[in-house]
Amino acid sequence: MENSNRVEIAILNHLFKHGYIGKRHTPFKNALKGIPMHQRGEAKAILENLIKRGLVSPYQTGHGMDVRINPDRIQDVKRIIGLD
């Protein structure tokens, strides 16, 4: 459980740090950058869970699925990553 929380924080921190909020988005696989290769399967499931929870929004593009932080939930994201 603690490990999945760290992965969740790492994903949200990466998206927040690079400004992938609202109109700015990044490919799904790029949101997993910085996660060790042996944890990528778990990280993919965690990112999909973040989408289901509404913290991260999917965005369909011509090259595939992109993701971004949901601007309506930015305060929740800041609380999770420890900025609030």
C-alpha atoms as a PDB file:
ATOM      1  CA  MET A   1       0.000   0.000   0.000  1.00  0.00           C
ATOM      2  CA  GLU A   2       2.745   2.446   0.934  1.00  0.00           C
ATOM      3  CA  ASN A   3       4.560   1.710  -2.318  1.00  0.00           C
ATOM      4  CA  SER A   4       1.432   2.434  -4.375  1.00  0.00           C
ATOM      5  CA  ASN A   5       1.040   5.749  -2.543  1.00  0.00           C
ATOM      6  CA  ARG A   6       4.611   6.663  -3.493  1.00  0.00           C
ATOM      7  CA  VAL A   7       3.938   5.803  -7.128  1.00  0.00           C
ATOM      8  CA  GLU A   8       0.710   7.835  -7.089  1.00  0.00           C
ATOM      9  CA  ILE A   9       2.561  10.817  -5.612  1.00  0.00           C
ATOM     10  CA  ALA A  10       5.372  10.443  -8.168  1.00  0.00           C
ATOM     11  CA  ILE A  11       2.917  10.445 -11.091  1.00  0.00           C
ATOM     12  CA  LEU A  12       0.953  13.439  -9.813  1.00  0.00           C
ATOM     13  CA  ASN A  13       4.150  15.307  -8.945  1.00  0.00           C
ATOM     14  CA  HIS A  14       5.534  14.731 -12.451  1.00  0.00           C
ATOM     15  CA  LEU A  15       2.348  16.029 -14.080  1.00  0.00           C
ATOM     16  CA  PHE A  16       2.153  19.027 -11.727  1.00  0.00           C
ATOM     17  CA  LYS A  17       5.842  19.921 -11.982  1.00  0.00           C
ATOM     18  CA  HIS A  18       5.689  20.032 -15.782  1.00  0.00           C
ATOM     19  CA  GLY A  19       2.419  21.980 -15.821  1.00  0.00           C
ATOM     20  CA  TYR A  20       0.227  19.300 -17.399  1.00  0.00           C
ATOM     21  CA  ILE A  21      -2.941  20.916 -16.095  1.00  0.00           C
ATOM     22  CA  GLY A  22      -6.032  21.842 -18.073  1.00  0.00           C
ATOM     23  CA  LYS A  23      -5.191  22.419 -21.738  1.00  0.00           C
ATOM     24  CA  ARG A  24      -1.597  21.164 -21.530  1.00  0.00           C
ATOM     25  CA  HIS A  25      -1.305  17.381 -21.733  1.00  0.00           C
ATOM     26  CA  THR A  26       1.250  14.607 -22.214  1.00  0.00           C
ATOM     27  CA  PRO A  27       1.082  11.087 -23.651  1.00  0.00           C
ATOM     28  CA  PHE A  28      -0.008   8.381 -21.204  1.00  0.00           C
ATOM     29  CA  LYS A  29       3.400   6.661 -21.244  1.00  0.00           C
ATOM     30  CA  ASN A  30       5.248   9.945 -20.578  1.00  0.00           C
ATOM     31  CA  ALA A  31       3.263  10.401 -17.368  1.00  0.00           C
ATOM     32  CA  LEU A  32       5.070   7.291 -16.101  1.00  0.00           C
ATOM     33  CA  LYS A  33       8.562   8.745 -16.598  1.00  0.00           C
ATOM     34  CA  GLY A  34      10.710   8.482 -13.518  1.00  0.00           C
ATOM     35  CA  ILE A  35       9.017   5.273 -12.380  1.00  0.00           C
ATOM     36  CA  PRO A  36      11.419   2.283 -12.309  1.00  0.00           C
ATOM     37  CA  MET A  37      10.807  -0.240 -15.091  1.00  0.00           C
ATOM     38  CA  HIS A  38       9.902  -3.024 -12.653  1.00  0.00           C
ATOM     39  CA  GLN A  39       7.037  -0.877 -11.307  1.00  0.00           C
ATOM     40  CA  ARG A  40       5.610   0.299 -14.646  1.00  0.00           C
ATOM     41  CA  GLY A  41       2.776  -2.266 -14.653  1.00  0.00           C
ATOM     42  CA  GLU A  42       1.643  -1.153 -11.212  1.00  0.00           C
ATOM     43  CA  ALA A  43       2.111   2.512 -12.176  1.00  0.00           C
ATOM     44  CA  LYS A  44      -0.090   2.089 -15.253  1.00  0.00           C
ATOM     45  CA  ALA A  45      -2.867   0.643 -13.077  1.00  0.00           C
ATOM     46  CA  ILE A  46      -2.443   3.512 -10.584  1.00  0.00           C
ATOM     47  CA  LEU A  47      -2.655   6.121 -13.370  1.00  0.00           C
ATOM     48  CA  GLU A  48      -5.843   4.464 -14.664  1.00  0.00           C
ATOM     49  CA  ASN A  49      -7.195   4.608 -11.100  1.00  0.00           C
ATOM     50  CA  LEU A  50      -6.349   8.336 -10.911  1.00  0.00           C
ATOM     51  CA  ILE A  51      -8.383   8.814 -14.093  1.00  0.00           C
ATOM     52  CA  LYS A  52     -11.335   6.917 -12.567  1.00  0.00           C
ATOM     53  CA  ARG A  53     -11.094   9.041  -9.412  1.00  0.00           C
ATOM     54  CA  GLY A  54     -11.200  12.216 -11.511  1.00  0.00           C
ATOM     55  CA  LEU A  55      -7.821  13.599 -10.421  1.00  0.00           C
ATOM     56  CA  VAL A  56      -6.352  13.061 -13.900  1.00  0.00           C
ATOM     57  CA  SER A  57      -8.300  13.643 -17.104  1.00  0.00           C
ATOM     58  CA  PRO A  58      -7.806  11.592 -20.281  1.00  0.00           C
ATOM     59  CA  TYR A  59      -7.517  13.459 -23.583  1.00  0.00           C
ATOM     60  CA  GLN A  60      -7.786  11.609 -26.890  1.00  0.00           C
ATOM     61  CA  THR A  61      -5.359  12.805 -29.571  1.00  0.00           C
ATOM     62  CA  GLY A  62      -4.392  11.598 -33.033  1.00  0.00           C
ATOM     63  CA  HIS A  63      -1.429   9.689 -31.633  1.00  0.00           C
ATOM     64  CA  GLY A  64      -3.234   8.082 -28.711  1.00  0.00           C
ATOM     65  CA  MET A  65      -4.339   8.814 -25.179  1.00  0.00           C
ATOM     66  CA  ASP A  66      -2.893  11.839 -23.379  1.00  0.00           C
ATOM     67  CA  VAL A  67      -3.410  12.763 -19.729  1.00  0.00           C
ATOM     68  CA  ARG A  68      -3.497  15.942 -17.680  1.00  0.00           C
ATOM     69  CA  ILE A  69      -4.416  16.991 -14.160  1.00  0.00           C
ATOM     70  CA  ASN A  70      -8.076  17.903 -13.819  1.00  0.00           C
ATOM     71  CA  PRO A  71      -8.022  21.673 -13.037  1.00  0.00           C
ATOM     72  CA  ASP A  72     -11.186  21.309 -10.930  1.00  0.00           C
ATOM     73  CA  ARG A  73      -9.310  18.940  -8.587  1.00  0.00           C
ATOM     74  CA  ILE A  74      -5.989  20.846  -8.367  1.00  0.00           C
ATOM     75  CA  GLN A  75      -6.370  21.436  -4.614  1.00  0.00           C
ATOM     76  CA  ASP A  76      -6.790  17.701  -4.024  1.00  0.00           C
ATOM     77  CA  VAL A  77      -3.675  17.004  -6.106  1.00  0.00           C
ATOM     78  CA  LYS A  78      -1.654  19.604  -4.173  1.00  0.00           C
ATOM     79  CA  ARG A  79      -2.757  18.024  -0.901  1.00  0.00           C
ATOM     80  CA  ILE A  80      -1.737  14.545  -2.082  1.00  0.00           C
ATOM     81  CA  ILE A  81       1.722  15.630  -3.239  1.00  0.00           C
ATOM     82  CA  GLY A  82       2.266  17.711  -0.118  1.00  0.00           C
ATOM     83  CA  LEU A  83       2.140  21.276  -1.420  1.00  0.00           C
ATOM     84  CA  ASP A  84      -0.830  22.348   0.684  1.00  0.00           C
END
